[in-house]
Amino acid sequence: MPASAFDGAQAQRGSGDGPVQDLDERALVDRVMVEWWDSAAHALPWAGMPLDDRFGELRKLAAALISAAITTGGHTRDPQESGARNGVIAAAIDHGRYRGNQGGTWELLLFELTFLSDALRVAVRGSPLPPTVSNQFERELAAGLRVAKPACSLGLREAAHEQSSLHRGLDVDPGFGS
């Protein structure tokens, strides 16, 4: 994607606390999703999914990861960060649940998160961030993914539990009087 997607960030230089806070989050998330799809487009099951199902809640997860990394912005950890991490956890649970309801497996979810990790790295390296800031931003995103993986797993397990509970409810003997 051309650097013009980040023109908003360059036009706003100096408006935040530093180059990371000046990034156009929406443009960065858009770039991440393009990069993710470039990887996933040829892989099953994503290549065979209807357009509405391909991304699931992945865009929300990418946005939460980027927002959390921007909140940290390479600075010392502060109370604001735990709120941002909670956003990552919530988005990851939702994405895992979405994929679980589609019949996804943990292996496929890990594969998808690997695509996401690669897409985040490519998008950040294509941003206008100076290399030292870019490296720190990538580390923050990687830390966010380490938080997201178990949360995605939790969402996947929740979906499986919900489905098994639903099936058990259908198999229940209605008892006497039926």
N, C-alpha and C. Protein backbone atom coordinates (compact mmCIF):
# COMPACT_ATOMS: atom_id res chain seq x y z
N MET A 1 0.85 -1.16 0.00
CA MET A 1 0.00 0.00 0.00
C MET A 1 0.90 1.23 0.00
N PRO A 2 0.60 2.23 -0.79
CA PRO A 2 1.45 3.40 -0.85
C PRO A 2 1.45 4.18 0.44
N ALA A 3 2.50 4.93 0.64
CA ALA A 3 2.63 5.72 1.87
C ALA A 3 1.51 6.74 2.00
N SER A 4 0.78 7.03 0.91
CA SER A 4 -0.29 8.03 0.98
C SER A 4 -1.37 7.64 1.98
N ALA A 5 -1.48 6.37 2.31
CA ALA A 5 -2.45 5.97 3.32
C ALA A 5 -2.11 6.56 4.68
N PHE A 6 -0.88 6.96 4.83
CA PHE A 6 -0.44 7.51 6.10
C PHE A 6 -0.29 9.03 6.05
N ASP A 7 -0.79 9.65 4.98
CA ASP A 7 -0.68 11.10 4.86
C ASP A 7 -1.29 11.82 6.05
N GLY A 8 -2.40 11.27 6.56
CA GLY A 8 -3.05 11.90 7.72
C GLY A 8 -2.11 11.96 8.90
N ALA A 9 -1.31 10.91 9.07
CA ALA A 9 -0.37 10.89 10.19
C ALA A 9 0.70 11.95 9.99
N GLN A 10 1.19 12.09 8.76
CA GLN A 10 2.24 13.07 8.51
C GLN A 10 1.70 14.49 8.61
N ALA A 11 0.45 14.69 8.22
CA ALA A 11 -0.14 16.03 8.28
C ALA A 11 -0.37 16.47 9.72
N GLN A 12 -0.50 15.48 10.62
CA GLN A 12 -0.79 15.81 12.01
C GLN A 12 0.46 15.77 12.89
N ARG A 13 1.64 15.64 12.32
CA ARG A 13 2.85 15.58 13.12
C ARG A 13 2.86 16.68 14.18
N GLY A 14 3.24 16.25 15.36
CA GLY A 14 3.34 17.22 16.44
C GLY A 14 2.05 17.40 17.20
N SER A 15 0.96 16.75 16.77
CA SER A 15 -0.31 16.94 17.46
C SER A 15 -0.45 16.04 18.67
N GLY A 16 0.35 14.97 18.76
CA GLY A 16 0.26 14.04 19.87
C GLY A 16 1.52 14.07 20.70
N ASP A 17 1.72 12.97 21.41
CA ASP A 17 2.89 12.87 22.27
C ASP A 17 4.13 12.40 21.52
N GLY A 18 3.97 11.95 20.29
CA GLY A 18 5.09 11.45 19.52
C GLY A 18 4.61 10.83 18.24
N PRO A 19 5.54 10.28 17.45
CA PRO A 19 5.17 9.75 16.14
C PRO A 19 4.16 8.60 16.20
N VAL A 20 4.22 7.77 17.24
CA VAL A 20 3.28 6.65 17.34
C VAL A 20 1.86 7.18 17.57
N GLN A 21 1.73 8.15 18.46
CA GLN A 21 0.41 8.69 18.75
C GLN A 21 -0.16 9.46 17.57
N ASP A 22 0.68 9.89 16.65
CA ASP A 22 0.22 10.63 15.48
C ASP A 22 -0.20 9.73 14.32
N LEU A 23 -0.01 8.43 14.45
CA LEU A 23 -0.41 7.51 13.38
C LEU A 23 -1.91 7.57 13.15
N ASP A 24 -2.31 7.42 11.91
CA ASP A 24 -3.72 7.30 11.55
C ASP A 24 -4.11 5.84 11.78
N GLU A 25 -4.74 5.59 12.92
CA GLU A 25 -5.06 4.21 13.30
C GLU A 25 -5.91 3.50 12.25
N ARG A 26 -6.91 4.19 11.73
CA ARG A 26 -7.81 3.57 10.75
C ARG A 26 -7.03 3.14 9.50
N ALA A 27 -6.16 4.01 9.02
CA ALA A 27 -5.36 3.67 7.83
C ALA A 27 -4.43 2.49 8.12
N LEU A 28 -3.88 2.45 9.33
CA LEU A 28 -2.99 1.35 9.69
C LEU A 28 -3.78 0.04 9.78
N VAL A 29 -4.96 0.07 10.37
CA VAL A 29 -5.80 -1.14 10.45
C VAL A 29 -6.19 -1.59 9.04
N ASP A 30 -6.55 -0.63 8.18
CA ASP A 30 -6.88 -0.97 6.79
C ASP A 30 -5.70 -1.68 6.12
N ARG A 31 -4.51 -1.15 6.33
CA ARG A 31 -3.31 -1.76 5.74
C ARG A 31 -3.09 -3.16 6.29
N VAL A 32 -3.29 -3.33 7.59
CA VAL A 32 -3.13 -4.64 8.21
C VAL A 32 -4.10 -5.64 7.58
N MET A 33 -5.34 -5.23 7.38
CA MET A 33 -6.33 -6.15 6.83
C MET A 33 -6.01 -6.51 5.37
N VAL A 34 -5.50 -5.56 4.61
CA VAL A 34 -5.08 -5.84 3.23
C VAL A 34 -3.94 -6.85 3.25
N GLU A 35 -2.97 -6.63 4.11
CA GLU A 35 -1.82 -7.54 4.21
C GLU A 35 -2.26 -8.92 4.69
N TRP A 36 -3.18 -8.95 5.65
CA TRP A 36 -3.69 -10.23 6.16
C TRP A 36 -4.37 -10.99 5.03
N TRP A 37 -5.22 -10.30 4.28
CA TRP A 37 -5.93 -10.98 3.20
C TRP A 37 -4.98 -11.45 2.11
N ASP A 38 -3.91 -10.70 1.85
CA ASP A 38 -2.92 -11.15 0.87
C ASP A 38 -2.35 -12.51 1.27
N SER A 39 -2.20 -12.74 2.56
CA SER A 39 -1.70 -14.03 3.04
C SER A 39 -2.79 -15.10 3.06
N ALA A 40 -3.98 -14.73 3.50
CA ALA A 40 -5.05 -15.71 3.73
C ALA A 40 -5.85 -16.04 2.48
N ALA A 41 -5.77 -15.21 1.47
CA ALA A 41 -6.63 -15.37 0.28
C ALA A 41 -6.47 -16.72 -0.41
N HIS A 42 -5.30 -17.31 -0.29
CA HIS A 42 -5.04 -18.57 -0.98
C HIS A 42 -5.09 -19.77 -0.05
N ALA A 43 -5.45 -19.54 1.19
CA ALA A 43 -5.46 -20.62 2.18
C ALA A 43 -6.89 -20.98 2.56
N LEU A 44 -7.09 -22.25 2.78
CA LEU A 44 -8.39 -22.69 3.28
C LEU A 44 -8.37 -22.58 4.79
N PRO A 45 -9.44 -22.26 5.42
CA PRO A 45 -10.79 -22.13 4.91
C PRO A 45 -11.15 -20.73 4.42
N TRP A 46 -10.25 -19.76 4.60
CA TRP A 46 -10.61 -18.37 4.31
C TRP A 46 -10.95 -18.13 2.85
N ALA A 47 -10.21 -18.77 1.95
CA ALA A 47 -10.44 -18.56 0.52
C ALA A 47 -11.84 -18.99 0.10
N GLY A 48 -12.41 -19.95 0.81
CA GLY A 48 -13.74 -20.45 0.46
C GLY A 48 -14.87 -19.83 1.25
N MET A 49 -14.57 -18.88 2.10
CA MET A 49 -15.62 -18.27 2.94
C MET A 49 -16.34 -17.15 2.21
N PRO A 50 -17.62 -17.00 2.51
CA PRO A 50 -18.32 -15.81 2.01
C PRO A 50 -17.61 -14.56 2.54
N LEU A 51 -17.68 -13.49 1.78
CA LEU A 51 -16.98 -12.25 2.14
C LEU A 51 -17.28 -11.80 3.57
N ASP A 52 -18.53 -11.90 3.99
CA ASP A 52 -18.91 -11.45 5.33
C ASP A 52 -18.26 -12.26 6.44
N ASP A 53 -17.87 -13.49 6.16
CA ASP A 53 -17.31 -14.36 7.19
C ASP A 53 -15.79 -14.37 7.23
N ARG A 54 -15.14 -13.89 6.20
CA ARG A 54 -13.69 -14.02 6.09
C ARG A 54 -12.94 -13.41 7.25
N PHE A 55 -13.29 -12.21 7.60
CA PHE A 55 -12.52 -11.49 8.61
C PHE A 55 -13.01 -11.76 10.02
N GLY A 56 -14.24 -12.20 10.17
CA GLY A 56 -14.78 -12.43 11.50
C GLY A 56 -14.65 -11.17 12.33
N GLU A 57 -14.10 -11.32 13.49
CA GLU A 57 -13.87 -10.18 14.38
C GLU A 57 -12.40 -9.74 14.33
N LEU A 58 -11.70 -10.19 13.28
CA LEU A 58 -10.27 -9.92 13.17
C LEU A 58 -9.96 -8.43 13.05
N ARG A 59 -10.79 -7.69 12.33
CA ARG A 59 -10.56 -6.25 12.19
C ARG A 59 -10.62 -5.57 13.57
N LYS A 60 -11.57 -5.98 14.40
CA LYS A 60 -11.67 -5.41 15.75
C LYS A 60 -10.44 -5.77 16.58
N LEU A 61 -9.96 -6.99 16.40
CA LEU A 61 -8.76 -7.41 17.12
C LEU A 61 -7.55 -6.61 16.66
N ALA A 62 -7.39 -6.45 15.35
CA ALA A 62 -6.27 -5.65 14.83
C ALA A 62 -6.35 -4.22 15.35
N ALA A 63 -7.55 -3.65 15.35
CA ALA A 63 -7.73 -2.27 15.85
C ALA A 63 -7.38 -2.18 17.33
N ALA A 64 -7.79 -3.18 18.11
CA ALA A 64 -7.49 -3.17 19.55
C ALA A 64 -5.99 -3.31 19.80
N LEU A 65 -5.33 -4.17 19.02
CA LEU A 65 -3.88 -4.34 19.16
C LEU A 65 -3.14 -3.05 18.84
N ILE A 66 -3.53 -2.40 17.75
CA ILE A 66 -2.89 -1.15 17.35
C ILE A 66 -3.16 -0.06 18.37
N SER A 67 -4.39 0.03 18.83
CA SER A 67 -4.74 1.04 19.82
C SER A 67 -3.95 0.85 21.12
N ALA A 68 -3.82 -0.41 21.55
CA ALA A 68 -3.06 -0.69 22.78
C ALA A 68 -1.59 -0.34 22.59
N ALA A 69 -1.04 -0.64 21.42
CA ALA A 69 0.38 -0.33 21.16
C ALA A 69 0.58 1.18 21.09
N ILE A 70 -0.39 1.89 20.55
CA ILE A 70 -0.29 3.36 20.49
C ILE A 70 -0.41 3.94 21.89
N THR A 71 -1.29 3.39 22.70
CA THR A 71 -1.45 3.86 24.08
C THR A 71 -0.14 3.75 24.83
N THR A 72 0.54 2.61 24.66
CA THR A 72 1.83 2.41 25.30
C THR A 72 2.87 3.30 24.64
N GLY A 73 2.84 3.34 23.31
CA GLY A 73 3.68 4.24 22.54
C GLY A 73 5.15 4.24 22.87
N GLY A 74 5.63 3.13 23.38
CA GLY A 74 7.05 3.06 23.70
C GLY A 74 7.40 3.72 25.02
N HIS A 75 6.40 4.24 25.72
CA HIS A 75 6.66 4.87 27.01
C HIS A 75 6.57 3.84 28.13
N THR A 76 6.91 4.26 29.31
CA THR A 76 6.79 3.40 30.48
C THR A 76 5.32 3.04 30.67
N ARG A 77 5.09 1.85 31.10
CA ARG A 77 3.72 1.37 31.30
C ARG A 77 2.99 2.26 32.30
N ASP A 78 1.71 2.48 32.01
CA ASP A 78 0.89 3.30 32.90
C ASP A 78 -0.49 2.67 33.04
N PRO A 79 -1.34 3.22 33.92
CA PRO A 79 -2.66 2.62 34.14
C PRO A 79 -3.53 2.56 32.88
N GLN A 80 -3.32 3.47 31.94
CA GLN A 80 -4.09 3.47 30.71
C GLN A 80 -3.86 2.19 29.91
N GLU A 81 -2.67 1.62 30.06
CA GLU A 81 -2.33 0.43 29.29
C GLU A 81 -3.22 -0.75 29.65
N SER A 82 -3.54 -0.94 30.93
CA SER A 82 -4.35 -2.11 31.29
C SER A 82 -5.73 -2.01 30.66
N GLY A 83 -6.26 -0.83 30.53
CA GLY A 83 -7.54 -0.66 29.83
C GLY A 83 -7.42 -1.03 28.37
N ALA A 84 -6.31 -0.63 27.75
CA ALA A 84 -6.08 -0.98 26.34
C ALA A 84 -5.90 -2.48 26.19
N ARG A 85 -5.18 -3.11 27.11
CA ARG A 85 -5.00 -4.57 27.06
C ARG A 85 -6.35 -5.28 27.25
N ASN A 86 -7.21 -4.73 28.10
CA ASN A 86 -8.54 -5.31 28.26
C ASN A 86 -9.31 -5.27 26.94
N GLY A 87 -9.10 -4.22 26.16
CA GLY A 87 -9.73 -4.14 24.84
C GLY A 87 -9.22 -5.23 23.92
N VAL A 88 -7.92 -5.52 23.99
CA VAL A 88 -7.33 -6.60 23.20
C VAL A 88 -7.94 -7.93 23.62
N ILE A 89 -8.04 -8.15 24.91
CA ILE A 89 -8.59 -9.41 25.43
C ILE A 89 -10.03 -9.58 24.98
N ALA A 90 -10.84 -8.55 25.11
CA ALA A 90 -12.26 -8.64 24.72
C ALA A 90 -12.38 -8.91 23.22
N ALA A 91 -11.61 -8.20 22.40
CA ALA A 91 -11.67 -8.41 20.95
C ALA A 91 -11.19 -9.82 20.58
N ALA A 92 -10.17 -10.31 21.27
CA ALA A 92 -9.64 -11.65 20.98
C ALA A 92 -10.66 -12.73 21.37
N ILE A 93 -11.30 -12.56 22.50
CA ILE A 93 -12.34 -13.52 22.91
C ILE A 93 -13.46 -13.53 21.87
N ASP A 94 -13.89 -12.35 21.45
CA ASP A 94 -14.96 -12.26 20.45
C ASP A 94 -14.55 -12.95 19.15
N HIS A 95 -13.30 -12.73 18.72
CA HIS A 95 -12.85 -13.35 17.48
C HIS A 95 -12.78 -14.87 17.62
N GLY A 96 -12.24 -15.34 18.74
CA GLY A 96 -12.18 -16.79 18.97
C GLY A 96 -13.57 -17.41 19.01
N ARG A 97 -14.51 -16.72 19.65
CA ARG A 97 -15.89 -17.21 19.71
C ARG A 97 -16.50 -17.25 18.30
N TYR A 98 -16.24 -16.20 17.51
CA TYR A 98 -16.77 -16.14 16.15
C TYR A 98 -16.24 -17.32 15.33
N ARG A 99 -14.94 -17.55 15.38
CA ARG A 99 -14.36 -18.66 14.64
C ARG A 99 -14.85 -20.00 15.19
N GLY A 100 -15.03 -20.10 16.49
CA GLY A 100 -15.56 -21.33 17.08
C GLY A 100 -16.97 -21.62 16.60
N ASN A 101 -17.78 -20.59 16.49
CA ASN A 101 -19.14 -20.77 15.98
C ASN A 101 -19.15 -21.16 14.51
N GLN A 102 -18.07 -20.86 13.81
CA GLN A 102 -17.93 -21.28 12.41
C GLN A 102 -17.38 -22.71 12.31
N GLY A 103 -17.03 -23.29 13.43
CA GLY A 103 -16.46 -24.64 13.43
C GLY A 103 -14.95 -24.64 13.34
N GLY A 104 -14.33 -23.48 13.56
CA GLY A 104 -12.88 -23.38 13.48
C GLY A 104 -12.19 -24.16 14.59
N THR A 105 -10.92 -24.46 14.35
CA THR A 105 -10.11 -25.20 15.33
C THR A 105 -9.02 -24.27 15.87
N TRP A 106 -8.39 -24.72 16.93
CA TRP A 106 -7.29 -23.96 17.52
C TRP A 106 -6.15 -23.83 16.52
N GLU A 107 -5.88 -24.89 15.77
CA GLU A 107 -4.81 -24.86 14.78
C GLU A 107 -5.07 -23.80 13.72
N LEU A 108 -6.32 -23.73 13.22
CA LEU A 108 -6.65 -22.71 12.23
C LEU A 108 -6.57 -21.30 12.82
N LEU A 109 -6.98 -21.17 14.07
CA LEU A 109 -6.90 -19.87 14.73
C LEU A 109 -5.44 -19.43 14.89
N LEU A 110 -4.57 -20.35 15.24
CA LEU A 110 -3.14 -20.03 15.35
C LEU A 110 -2.57 -19.63 13.99
N PHE A 111 -2.98 -20.32 12.97
CA PHE A 111 -2.56 -20.02 11.61
C PHE A 111 -3.01 -18.59 11.25
N GLU A 112 -4.24 -18.28 11.58
CA GLU A 112 -4.79 -16.95 11.30
C GLU A 112 -4.04 -15.86 12.09
N LEU A 113 -3.72 -16.14 13.33
CA LEU A 113 -2.98 -15.18 14.15
C LEU A 113 -1.55 -15.00 13.65
N THR A 114 -0.99 -16.02 13.05
CA THR A 114 0.34 -15.90 12.44
C THR A 114 0.26 -14.96 11.24
N PHE A 115 -0.79 -15.12 10.42
CA PHE A 115 -1.02 -14.19 9.31
C PHE A 115 -1.16 -12.76 9.84
N LEU A 116 -1.90 -12.62 10.96
CA LEU A 116 -2.11 -11.29 11.55
C LEU A 116 -0.79 -10.70 12.03
N SER A 117 0.03 -11.50 12.67
CA SER A 117 1.32 -11.03 13.15
C SER A 117 2.18 -10.53 11.99
N ASP A 118 2.21 -11.31 10.92
CA ASP A 118 2.97 -10.90 9.73
C ASP A 118 2.41 -9.61 9.13
N ALA A 119 1.08 -9.52 9.06
CA ALA A 119 0.43 -8.33 8.49
C ALA A 119 0.72 -7.09 9.33
N LEU A 120 0.72 -7.24 10.64
CA LEU A 120 1.04 -6.11 11.53
C LEU A 120 2.47 -5.64 11.28
N ARG A 121 3.39 -6.60 11.18
CA ARG A 121 4.79 -6.26 10.96
C ARG A 121 4.98 -5.52 9.63
N VAL A 122 4.37 -6.02 8.56
CA VAL A 122 4.50 -5.39 7.25
C VAL A 122 3.90 -3.98 7.27
N ALA A 123 2.74 -3.84 7.89
CA ALA A 123 2.07 -2.53 7.94
C ALA A 123 2.90 -1.52 8.72
N VAL A 124 3.47 -1.93 9.84
CA VAL A 124 4.28 -1.02 10.66
C VAL A 124 5.55 -0.62 9.91
N ARG A 125 6.16 -1.58 9.25
CA ARG A 125 7.39 -1.27 8.50
C ARG A 125 7.10 -0.35 7.32
N GLY A 126 5.88 -0.35 6.82
CA GLY A 126 5.49 0.54 5.74
C GLY A 126 4.98 1.89 6.21
N SER A 127 4.96 2.09 7.52
CA SER A 127 4.47 3.35 8.09
C SER A 127 5.59 4.39 8.09
N PRO A 128 5.22 5.64 8.37
CA PRO A 128 6.24 6.69 8.40
C PRO A 128 7.05 6.75 9.71
N LEU A 129 6.93 5.75 10.55
CA LEU A 129 7.65 5.77 11.82
C LEU A 129 9.16 5.63 11.61
N PRO A 130 9.94 6.35 12.39
CA PRO A 130 11.39 6.15 12.35
C PRO A 130 11.71 4.71 12.78
N PRO A 131 12.79 4.14 12.28
CA PRO A 131 13.12 2.73 12.57
C PRO A 131 13.15 2.37 14.05
N THR A 132 13.71 3.21 14.89
CA THR A 132 13.78 2.86 16.32
C THR A 132 12.38 2.83 16.93
N VAL A 133 11.54 3.75 16.53
CA VAL A 133 10.16 3.79 17.03
C VAL A 133 9.37 2.63 16.45
N SER A 134 9.59 2.35 15.19
CA SER A 134 8.92 1.23 14.52
C SER A 134 9.25 -0.09 15.22
N ASN A 135 10.50 -0.28 15.58
CA ASN A 135 10.90 -1.51 16.28
C ASN A 135 10.20 -1.65 17.62
N GLN A 136 10.12 -0.55 18.37
CA GLN A 136 9.43 -0.57 19.66
C GLN A 136 7.94 -0.85 19.47
N PHE A 137 7.35 -0.24 18.45
CA PHE A 137 5.93 -0.43 18.15
C PHE A 137 5.66 -1.90 17.80
N GLU A 138 6.55 -2.50 17.03
CA GLU A 138 6.42 -3.92 16.69
C GLU A 138 6.49 -4.79 17.95
N ARG A 139 7.37 -4.43 18.88
CA ARG A 139 7.47 -5.19 20.13
C ARG A 139 6.17 -5.08 20.94
N GLU A 140 5.59 -3.89 20.95
CA GLU A 140 4.31 -3.70 21.66
C GLU A 140 3.20 -4.52 21.02
N LEU A 141 3.18 -4.56 19.68
CA LEU A 141 2.17 -5.36 18.98
C LEU A 141 2.37 -6.85 19.27
N ALA A 142 3.63 -7.30 19.30
CA ALA A 142 3.92 -8.70 19.62
C ALA A 142 3.47 -9.03 21.03
N ALA A 143 3.67 -8.10 21.97
CA ALA A 143 3.21 -8.31 23.34
C ALA A 143 1.68 -8.42 23.37
N GLY A 144 1.03 -7.59 22.59
CA GLY A 144 -0.43 -7.65 22.51
C GLY A 144 -0.90 -8.99 21.95
N LEU A 145 -0.20 -9.50 20.96
CA LEU A 145 -0.57 -10.81 20.40
C LEU A 145 -0.37 -11.93 21.42
N ARG A 146 0.65 -11.79 22.27
CA ARG A 146 0.85 -12.80 23.32
C ARG A 146 -0.33 -12.80 24.29
N VAL A 147 -0.93 -11.64 24.50
CA VAL A 147 -2.13 -11.54 25.34
C VAL A 147 -3.35 -12.07 24.57
N ALA A 148 -3.39 -11.82 23.27
CA ALA A 148 -4.56 -12.18 22.45
C ALA A 148 -4.70 -13.69 22.25
N LYS A 149 -3.59 -14.41 22.14
CA LYS A 149 -3.68 -15.84 21.83
C LYS A 149 -4.49 -16.63 22.86
N PRO A 150 -4.17 -16.53 24.15
CA PRO A 150 -5.00 -17.30 25.10
C PRO A 150 -6.44 -16.80 25.15
N ALA A 151 -6.65 -15.51 24.89
CA ALA A 151 -8.01 -14.98 24.89
C ALA A 151 -8.79 -15.52 23.69
N CYS A 152 -8.15 -15.65 22.54
CA CYS A 152 -8.80 -16.28 21.37
C CYS A 152 -9.16 -17.72 21.70
N SER A 153 -8.25 -18.41 22.36
CA SER A 153 -8.50 -19.79 22.76
C SER A 153 -9.71 -19.87 23.68
N LEU A 154 -9.80 -18.94 24.62
CA LEU A 154 -10.95 -18.90 25.53
C LEU A 154 -12.25 -18.72 24.74
N GLY A 155 -12.26 -17.80 23.79
CA GLY A 155 -13.44 -17.58 22.97
C GLY A 155 -13.82 -18.83 22.18
N LEU A 156 -12.82 -19.51 21.65
CA LEU A 156 -13.05 -20.75 20.90
C LEU A 156 -13.68 -21.80 21.80
N ARG A 157 -13.15 -21.93 23.03
CA ARG A 157 -13.70 -22.91 23.99
C ARG A 157 -15.11 -22.52 24.41
N GLU A 158 -15.36 -21.21 24.59
CA GLU A 158 -16.71 -20.76 24.94
C GLU A 158 -17.70 -21.13 23.85
N ALA A 159 -17.31 -20.95 22.59
CA ALA A 159 -18.20 -21.30 21.49
C ALA A 159 -18.49 -22.80 21.49
N ALA A 160 -17.46 -23.61 21.72
CA ALA A 160 -17.65 -25.06 21.76
C ALA A 160 -18.58 -25.44 22.90
N HIS A 161 -18.41 -24.80 24.05
CA HIS A 161 -19.26 -25.07 25.21
C HIS A 161 -20.71 -24.67 24.92
N GLU A 162 -20.89 -23.49 24.31
CA GLU A 162 -22.24 -23.03 23.98
C GLU A 162 -22.91 -24.01 23.02
N GLN A 163 -22.16 -24.49 22.03
CA GLN A 163 -22.72 -25.42 21.05
C GLN A 163 -23.06 -26.76 21.70
N SER A 164 -22.18 -27.24 22.58
CA SER A 164 -22.46 -28.52 23.22
C SER A 164 -23.64 -28.39 24.19
N SER A 165 -23.77 -27.25 24.84
CA SER A 165 -24.91 -27.02 25.73
C SER A 165 -26.20 -26.98 24.94
N LEU A 166 -26.15 -26.36 23.78
CA LEU A 166 -27.33 -26.28 22.93
C LEU A 166 -27.73 -27.67 22.47
N HIS A 167 -26.76 -28.49 22.06
CA HIS A 167 -27.06 -29.84 21.61
C HIS A 167 -27.57 -30.70 22.75
N ARG A 168 -27.00 -30.54 23.94
CA ARG A 168 -27.49 -31.30 25.10
C ARG A 168 -28.92 -30.91 25.41
N GLY A 169 -29.22 -29.62 25.28
CA GLY A 169 -30.59 -29.15 25.55
C GLY A 169 -31.58 -29.76 24.59
N LEU A 170 -31.17 -30.01 23.36
CA LEU A 170 -32.06 -30.62 22.37
C LEU A 170 -32.25 -32.10 22.63
N ASP A 171 -31.27 -32.73 23.26
CA ASP A 171 -31.33 -34.17 23.52
C ASP A 171 -31.99 -34.52 24.84
N VAL A 172 -32.38 -33.55 25.63
CA VAL A 172 -32.94 -33.79 26.95
C VAL A 172 -34.30 -34.47 26.80
N ASP A 173 -34.51 -35.49 27.63
CA ASP A 173 -35.78 -36.21 27.65
C ASP A 173 -36.82 -35.30 28.29
N PRO A 174 -37.92 -35.03 27.61
CA PRO A 174 -38.92 -34.13 28.16
C PRO A 174 -39.62 -34.70 29.40
N GLY A 175 -39.45 -36.02 29.69
CA GLY A 175 -40.02 -36.61 30.91
C GLY A 175 -41.47 -37.00 30.77
N PHE A 176 -42.12 -37.23 31.91
CA PHE A 176 -43.52 -37.63 31.93
C PHE A 176 -44.41 -36.54 31.37
N GLY A 177 -45.55 -36.93 30.91
CA GLY A 177 -46.54 -35.96 30.46
C GLY A 177 -46.30 -35.46 29.06
N SER A 178 -45.28 -35.96 28.40
CA SER A 178 -45.03 -35.48 27.03
C SER A 178 -45.60 -36.43 26.03
